[in-house]
């Protein structure tokens, strides 16, 4: 492992966010530079408890338990190697801490380094509000911020995938057509193995399509192609039917190059809620009804209070009696 990712050399600055429901914690810190001894790179590290699998609760003995897909003998929580620490016993109820073998007690870890201020903002816990973005608001505020390079995440990793420079071995299916084509591969957040948390992403080959706002009737063949070929490939490789998949587009997206998300319906993936995700089937239907639907529609999205453009959407000196530039609603109200 490169020194850049030697966890013993990571220095914590602060905790950005933690979620007891998803068993994740996100921290900000630094890694030392591989080039200069006195330089450190800012980094975001996300730690997530991995999902339970059927193998981990197998009660077969080590001698007769089936091997997993990688040829490794499966380990179970129900093993003499698992240690219990009693918290309390009361009649038929027992409460324990369980210490299984490390190889079935792993933690998924994502690293973004060097991270930017925009990454820090994205992963920090903050107040979140809904913007109802009208076409006028898109033209006057959103579109102008998209012109600022500082406001966007780098797309270099996207181009690496499209040009087969990186992650070529992870591709599930590809249509190389420059107009209708795309690459489907496991999402960064998925371990590529645990079906219960299946998450894939289709990235289009067209370079001029940025988001939902870019789509018109001209792009219906592309959207149908992504839907049909991706569903077929996922069924073939993972055994999931189309009726078991949540297929959607985010607005606003994390990065402005059109992409489509595919997640297992039982998995509560980040960003699946109605204020951000738009089902692909609904997107196709809307455009079939009105060819420029997404240029006319008012589309919701969420914004954090620390966002540098927050006050452009919610100006503090706006006339309370005038039509607001955006309707504000705090998430959770």
Protein backbone atom coordinates (compact mmCIF):
# COMPACT_ATOMS: atom_id res chain seq x y z
CA UNK A 1 0.00 0.00 0.00
CA UNK A 2 1.31 3.42 -0.92
CA UNK A 3 2.34 5.68 1.95
CA UNK A 4 -0.43 7.99 0.86
CA UNK A 5 -2.94 5.42 2.14
CA UNK A 6 -1.07 4.12 5.18
CA UNK A 7 -3.79 4.48 7.82
CA UNK A 8 -1.22 4.61 10.63
CA UNK A 9 -0.06 7.93 9.15
CA UNK A 10 -3.53 9.46 8.95
CA UNK A 11 -3.99 12.43 11.29
CA UNK A 12 -7.55 13.24 12.36
CA UNK A 13 -8.73 16.85 12.27
CA UNK A 14 -12.43 16.43 12.99
CA UNK A 15 -15.48 14.23 12.58
CA UNK A 16 -17.65 15.50 9.73
CA UNK A 17 -20.65 13.24 10.13
CA UNK A 18 -21.84 10.00 11.70
CA UNK A 19 -25.01 7.97 11.25
CA UNK A 20 -26.05 5.30 13.73
CA UNK A 21 -28.69 3.93 11.35
CA UNK A 22 -26.32 3.29 8.43
CA UNK A 23 -23.38 2.52 10.76
CA UNK A 24 -21.14 5.05 9.03
CA UNK A 25 -18.76 7.73 10.20
CA UNK A 26 -17.01 10.33 8.05
CA UNK A 27 -13.84 12.04 9.22
CA UNK A 28 -11.52 14.74 7.90
CA UNK A 29 -7.76 14.55 8.30
CA UNK A 30 -4.49 14.43 6.40
CA UNK A 31 -2.12 11.93 4.81
CA UNK A 32 1.59 12.67 4.28
CA UNK A 33 2.73 13.49 0.77
CA UNK A 34 4.77 10.85 -1.04
CA UNK A 35 6.81 13.64 -2.66
CA UNK A 36 7.58 16.04 0.18
CA UNK A 37 8.18 15.01 3.78
CA UNK A 38 6.81 18.28 5.20
CA UNK A 39 3.60 18.26 3.11
CA UNK A 40 0.28 16.63 3.98
CA UNK A 41 -2.80 16.16 1.81
CA UNK A 42 -6.32 16.81 3.15
CA UNK A 43 -8.38 13.63 3.07
CA UNK A 44 -11.89 12.44 3.81
CA UNK A 45 -12.22 8.90 5.13
CA UNK A 46 -15.61 7.18 5.28
CA UNK A 47 -15.93 4.09 7.46
CA UNK A 48 -18.97 1.85 7.07
CA UNK A 49 -19.93 -1.42 8.73
CA UNK A 50 -20.36 -4.07 6.06
CA UNK A 51 -23.65 -5.87 5.54
CA UNK A 52 -24.39 -9.34 6.92
CA UNK A 53 -24.39 -12.18 4.40
CA UNK A 54 -25.99 -15.63 4.35
CA UNK A 55 -22.52 -17.17 4.62
CA UNK A 56 -21.84 -15.39 7.90
CA UNK A 57 -24.74 -17.16 9.65
CA UNK A 58 -24.04 -20.60 8.20
CA UNK A 59 -23.98 -23.22 10.95
CA UNK A 60 -22.17 -25.92 8.98
CA UNK A 61 -18.82 -27.01 10.39
CA UNK A 62 -15.61 -25.66 8.96
CA UNK A 63 -14.97 -29.04 7.33
CA UNK A 64 -18.21 -29.37 5.35
CA UNK A 65 -19.21 -25.77 4.75
CA UNK A 66 -19.27 -24.80 1.06
CA UNK A 67 -16.57 -22.51 -0.26
CA UNK A 68 -17.56 -19.01 -1.31
CA UNK A 69 -17.30 -17.67 -4.86
CA UNK A 70 -13.61 -16.85 -4.38
CA UNK A 71 -12.75 -20.37 -3.27
CA UNK A 72 -12.28 -19.37 0.36
CA UNK A 73 -13.80 -21.37 3.14
CA UNK A 74 -16.70 -19.41 4.60
CA UNK A 75 -16.61 -18.30 8.20
CA UNK A 76 -19.61 -17.95 10.47
CA UNK A 77 -20.60 -15.98 13.53
CA UNK A 78 -21.79 -19.31 14.94
CA UNK A 79 -18.32 -20.70 15.48
CA UNK A 80 -16.04 -21.64 18.36
CA UNK A 81 -13.81 -18.80 17.14
CA UNK A 82 -16.47 -16.21 18.07
CA UNK A 83 -16.16 -14.84 21.59
CA UNK A 84 -19.04 -13.49 23.67
CA UNK A 85 -18.92 -10.93 26.46
CA UNK A 86 -22.01 -11.02 28.65
CA UNK A 87 -23.77 -7.71 29.26
CA UNK A 88 -26.66 -9.18 31.24
CA UNK A 89 -28.97 -12.22 31.52
CA UNK A 90 -32.58 -11.98 32.61
CA UNK A 91 -34.76 -15.09 32.46
CA UNK A 92 -34.96 -16.04 28.74
CA UNK A 93 -33.26 -12.82 27.53
CA UNK A 94 -29.54 -12.48 27.04
CA UNK A 95 -27.53 -9.43 25.95
CA UNK A 96 -23.92 -9.86 24.76
CA UNK A 97 -21.13 -8.21 22.85
CA UNK A 98 -19.97 -10.49 20.03
CA UNK A 99 -16.35 -10.65 18.84
CA UNK A 100 -16.12 -12.71 15.63
CA UNK A 101 -13.00 -13.47 13.62
CA UNK A 102 -11.61 -10.37 11.84
CA UNK A 103 -12.16 -11.84 8.37
CA UNK A 104 -15.94 -11.64 8.80
CA UNK A 105 -15.91 -8.40 10.75
CA UNK A 106 -14.48 -6.05 8.14
CA UNK A 107 -15.25 -2.35 7.74
CA UNK A 108 -15.68 -0.78 4.31
CA UNK A 109 -13.42 2.25 3.92
CA UNK A 110 -13.52 4.96 1.23
CA UNK A 111 -10.80 7.60 0.86
CA UNK A 112 -10.98 10.90 -1.03
CA UNK A 113 -7.53 12.48 -1.19
CA UNK A 114 -6.67 15.18 -1.82
CA UNK A 115 -10.20 16.38 -1.06
CA UNK A 116 -11.56 19.84 -1.81
CA UNK A 117 -13.66 22.24 0.24
CA UNK A 118 -16.66 21.12 -1.80
CA UNK A 119 -16.05 17.49 -0.76
CA UNK A 120 -15.84 18.58 2.88
CA UNK A 121 -19.13 20.45 2.51
CA UNK A 122 -20.81 17.44 0.90
CA UNK A 123 -19.80 15.02 3.65
CA UNK A 124 -20.40 17.37 6.61
CA UNK A 125 -23.50 17.19 8.79
CA UNK A 126 -25.53 20.39 8.33
CA UNK A 127 -29.01 21.79 8.11
CA UNK A 128 -30.54 20.87 4.74
CA UNK A 129 -33.27 22.73 2.87
CA UNK A 130 -35.40 22.09 -0.21
CA UNK A 131 -35.17 24.42 -3.19
CA UNK A 132 -38.02 24.31 -5.70
CA UNK A 133 -36.01 25.24 -8.75
CA UNK A 134 -38.10 26.94 -11.42
CA UNK A 135 -36.75 27.28 -14.99
CA UNK A 136 -36.06 30.96 -14.19
CA UNK A 137 -34.11 30.03 -11.06
CA UNK A 138 -32.14 27.46 -13.03
CA UNK A 139 -31.19 30.04 -15.66
CA UNK A 140 -30.35 32.86 -13.25
CA UNK A 141 -28.65 30.99 -10.41
CA UNK A 142 -27.93 27.31 -11.03
CA UNK A 143 -26.65 27.59 -14.57
CA UNK A 144 -24.27 30.41 -13.66
CA UNK A 145 -22.74 28.42 -10.80
CA UNK A 146 -22.17 25.50 -13.17
CA UNK A 147 -19.80 27.73 -15.13
CA UNK A 148 -17.53 28.03 -12.09
CA UNK A 149 -14.86 25.33 -12.07
CA UNK A 150 -14.52 25.72 -8.31
CA UNK A 151 -18.14 24.65 -7.89
CA UNK A 152 -17.71 21.29 -9.63
CA UNK A 153 -16.12 18.01 -8.68
CA UNK A 154 -13.44 16.91 -11.10
CA UNK A 155 -14.65 14.65 -13.92
CA UNK A 156 -11.23 13.11 -14.55
CA UNK A 157 -12.30 9.84 -12.95
CA UNK A 158 -15.34 9.72 -15.27
CA UNK A 159 -13.18 10.21 -18.36
CA UNK A 160 -10.78 7.53 -17.08
CA UNK A 161 -13.67 5.07 -17.05
CA UNK A 162 -15.05 6.10 -20.45
CA UNK A 163 -11.56 5.84 -21.99
CA UNK A 164 -10.85 2.48 -20.27
CA UNK A 165 -7.88 3.95 -18.41
CA UNK A 166 -9.30 2.86 -15.04
CA UNK A 167 -11.78 0.24 -13.78
CA UNK A 168 -12.06 -1.53 -17.15
CA UNK A 169 -12.09 -4.88 -15.35
CA UNK A 170 -15.17 -3.80 -13.37
CA UNK A 171 -17.41 -3.04 -16.36
CA UNK A 172 -20.69 -4.96 -16.27
CA UNK A 173 -21.80 -3.99 -19.78
CA UNK A 174 -20.83 -1.35 -22.34
CA UNK A 175 -22.40 0.06 -25.47
CA UNK A 176 -19.55 1.96 -27.20
CA UNK A 177 -21.85 4.05 -29.42
CA UNK A 178 -20.99 7.74 -28.96
CA UNK A 179 -24.67 8.75 -29.21
CA UNK A 180 -26.59 5.93 -27.51
CA UNK A 181 -23.77 4.32 -25.59
CA UNK A 182 -22.82 4.05 -21.92
CA UNK A 183 -20.76 2.05 -19.45
CA UNK A 184 -22.41 0.24 -16.53
CA UNK A 185 -20.16 -0.65 -13.60
CA UNK A 186 -20.36 -1.07 -9.81
CA UNK A 187 -20.76 2.21 -7.94
CA UNK A 188 -17.93 3.47 -5.75
CA UNK A 189 -20.05 2.77 -2.66
CA UNK A 190 -20.66 -0.94 -3.46
CA UNK A 191 -18.18 -3.69 -2.56
CA UNK A 192 -19.07 -5.56 -5.76
CA UNK A 193 -20.01 -8.72 -3.88
CA UNK A 194 -22.83 -8.24 -1.37
CA UNK A 195 -26.05 -8.55 -3.37
CA UNK A 196 -28.13 -7.04 -0.55
CA UNK A 197 -26.39 -3.69 -1.17
CA UNK A 198 -26.20 -3.91 -4.98
CA UNK A 199 -25.41 -0.51 -6.50
CA UNK A 200 -24.34 0.14 -10.10
CA UNK A 201 -24.07 3.28 -12.18
CA UNK A 202 -24.44 3.84 -15.93
CA UNK A 203 -22.28 6.66 -17.32
CA UNK A 204 -23.17 7.94 -20.80
CA UNK A 205 -20.59 8.38 -23.54
CA UNK A 206 -22.05 11.71 -24.65
CA UNK A 207 -19.93 14.46 -23.10
CA UNK A 208 -22.43 17.31 -23.48
CA UNK A 209 -25.18 15.87 -21.27
CA UNK A 210 -24.86 17.27 -17.77
CA UNK A 211 -28.05 16.51 -15.85
CA UNK A 212 -31.79 15.97 -15.92
CA UNK A 213 -32.17 19.53 -17.22
CA UNK A 214 -30.29 18.52 -20.40
CA UNK A 215 -32.77 15.84 -21.47
CA UNK A 216 -35.30 16.24 -24.29
CA UNK A 217 -37.13 13.93 -26.71
CA UNK A 218 -33.88 13.67 -28.66
CA UNK A 219 -32.43 11.61 -25.80
CA UNK A 220 -35.26 9.07 -25.44
CA UNK A 221 -33.40 6.41 -27.48
CA UNK A 222 -30.38 6.83 -25.17
CA UNK A 223 -32.47 6.50 -22.01
CA UNK A 224 -34.33 3.44 -23.33
CA UNK A 225 -31.03 1.87 -24.39
CA UNK A 226 -29.55 2.35 -20.92
CA UNK A 227 -32.65 0.90 -19.30
CA UNK A 228 -32.95 -2.16 -21.57
CA UNK A 229 -29.30 -3.22 -21.81
CA UNK A 230 -28.48 -2.53 -18.17
CA UNK A 231 -31.47 -4.47 -16.86
CA UNK A 232 -30.57 -7.42 -19.10
CA UNK A 233 -26.92 -7.39 -17.98
CA UNK A 234 -27.83 -7.14 -14.28
CA UNK A 235 -30.28 -10.03 -14.63
CA UNK A 236 -27.64 -12.16 -16.38
CA UNK A 237 -24.80 -11.43 -13.95
CA UNK A 238 -26.59 -10.93 -10.62
CA UNK A 239 -29.99 -12.57 -11.06
CA UNK A 240 -31.99 -9.45 -10.20
CA UNK A 241 -35.18 -8.81 -12.19
CA UNK A 242 -36.12 -5.34 -13.39
CA UNK A 243 -38.93 -5.32 -10.81
CA UNK A 244 -36.29 -5.66 -8.08
CA UNK A 245 -34.31 -2.64 -9.23
CA UNK A 246 -34.64 1.02 -8.35
CA UNK A 247 -33.47 2.89 -11.47
CA UNK A 248 -33.18 6.65 -11.10
CA UNK A 249 -31.41 9.91 -11.90
CA UNK A 250 -30.32 12.38 -9.22
CA UNK A 251 -31.07 16.08 -9.33
CA UNK A 252 -28.99 17.92 -8.52
CA UNK A 253 -26.28 15.34 -9.19
CA UNK A 254 -22.99 15.08 -7.34
CA UNK A 255 -21.14 15.43 -10.64
CA UNK A 256 -22.41 17.01 -13.84
CA UNK A 257 -22.03 14.24 -16.41
CA UNK A 258 -25.27 12.37 -17.03
CA UNK A 259 -25.46 9.05 -15.22
CA UNK A 260 -28.17 6.64 -14.06
CA UNK A 261 -28.26 4.77 -10.75
CA UNK A 262 -29.29 1.11 -10.33
CA UNK A 263 -29.84 -0.19 -6.80
CA UNK A 264 -31.44 -3.26 -5.28
CA UNK A 265 -34.94 -2.33 -4.16
CA UNK A 266 -34.34 -3.70 -0.66
CA UNK A 267 -31.24 -1.53 -0.21
CA UNK A 268 -31.84 1.94 1.25
CA UNK A 269 -29.11 3.63 -0.73
CA UNK A 270 -28.13 7.27 -0.08
CA UNK A 271 -30.09 9.78 -2.13
CA UNK A 272 -33.14 7.63 -2.94
CA UNK A 273 -35.68 10.04 -1.46
CA UNK A 274 -38.20 11.98 -3.52
CA UNK A 275 -36.47 15.36 -3.13
CA UNK A 276 -33.50 14.06 -5.12
CA UNK A 277 -34.17 10.88 -7.10
CA UNK A 278 -36.28 10.69 -10.28
CA UNK A 279 -37.27 7.23 -11.51
CA UNK A 280 -35.94 6.62 -15.02
CA UNK A 281 -39.29 5.22 -16.17
CA UNK A 282 -41.00 8.42 -15.00
CA UNK A 283 -38.38 10.58 -16.72
CA UNK A 284 -38.97 8.73 -19.99
CA UNK A 285 -42.75 9.04 -19.61
CA UNK A 286 -42.58 12.77 -18.86
CA UNK A 287 -40.49 13.44 -21.95
CA UNK A 288 -42.83 11.31 -24.06
CA UNK A 289 -45.71 13.53 -22.92
CA UNK A 290 -43.85 16.85 -23.25
CA UNK A 291 -40.63 16.82 -25.30
CA UNK A 292 -38.98 19.64 -23.32
CA UNK A 293 -40.52 18.70 -19.96
CA UNK A 294 -37.29 19.15 -17.97
CA UNK A 295 -36.67 22.59 -19.42
CA UNK A 296 -40.15 23.66 -18.28
CA UNK A 297 -40.52 21.83 -14.98
CA UNK A 298 -39.97 23.05 -11.44
CA UNK A 299 -37.57 20.51 -9.97
CA UNK A 300 -36.77 20.12 -6.26
CA UNK A 301 -33.29 19.64 -4.88
CA UNK A 302 -31.62 19.99 -1.50
CA UNK A 303 -29.03 22.52 -0.42
CA UNK A 304 -26.97 22.82 2.75
CA UNK A 305 -26.88 26.01 4.76
CA UNK A 306 -23.11 26.27 4.32
CA UNK A 307 -23.34 26.17 0.53
CA UNK A 308 -21.77 29.38 -0.83
CA UNK A 309 -24.83 29.85 -3.08
CA UNK A 310 -27.39 29.31 -0.32
CA UNK A 311 -28.23 33.02 -0.07
CA UNK A 312 -28.69 33.28 -3.83
CA UNK A 313 -31.55 30.84 -3.57
CA UNK A 314 -32.85 32.34 -0.31
CA UNK A 315 -31.88 36.05 -0.25
CA UNK A 316 -32.32 37.47 3.29
CA UNK A 317 -33.62 40.82 2.00
CA UNK A 318 -36.39 39.32 -0.15
CA UNK A 319 -39.79 40.98 0.13
CA UNK A 320 -41.95 38.74 2.30
CA UNK A 321 -45.04 39.73 0.31
CA UNK A 322 -43.44 39.06 -3.07
CA UNK A 323 -43.32 35.74 -4.88
CA UNK A 324 -40.23 34.04 -3.36
CA UNK A 325 -37.32 33.14 -5.60
CA UNK A 326 -37.43 29.71 -4.00
CA UNK A 327 -39.68 28.06 -1.51
CA UNK A 328 -37.72 26.96 1.55
CA UNK A 329 -38.64 23.93 3.60
CA UNK A 330 -36.36 22.41 6.20
CA UNK A 331 -35.91 18.67 5.78
CA UNK A 332 -37.80 16.83 8.49
CA UNK A 333 -40.53 19.46 8.94
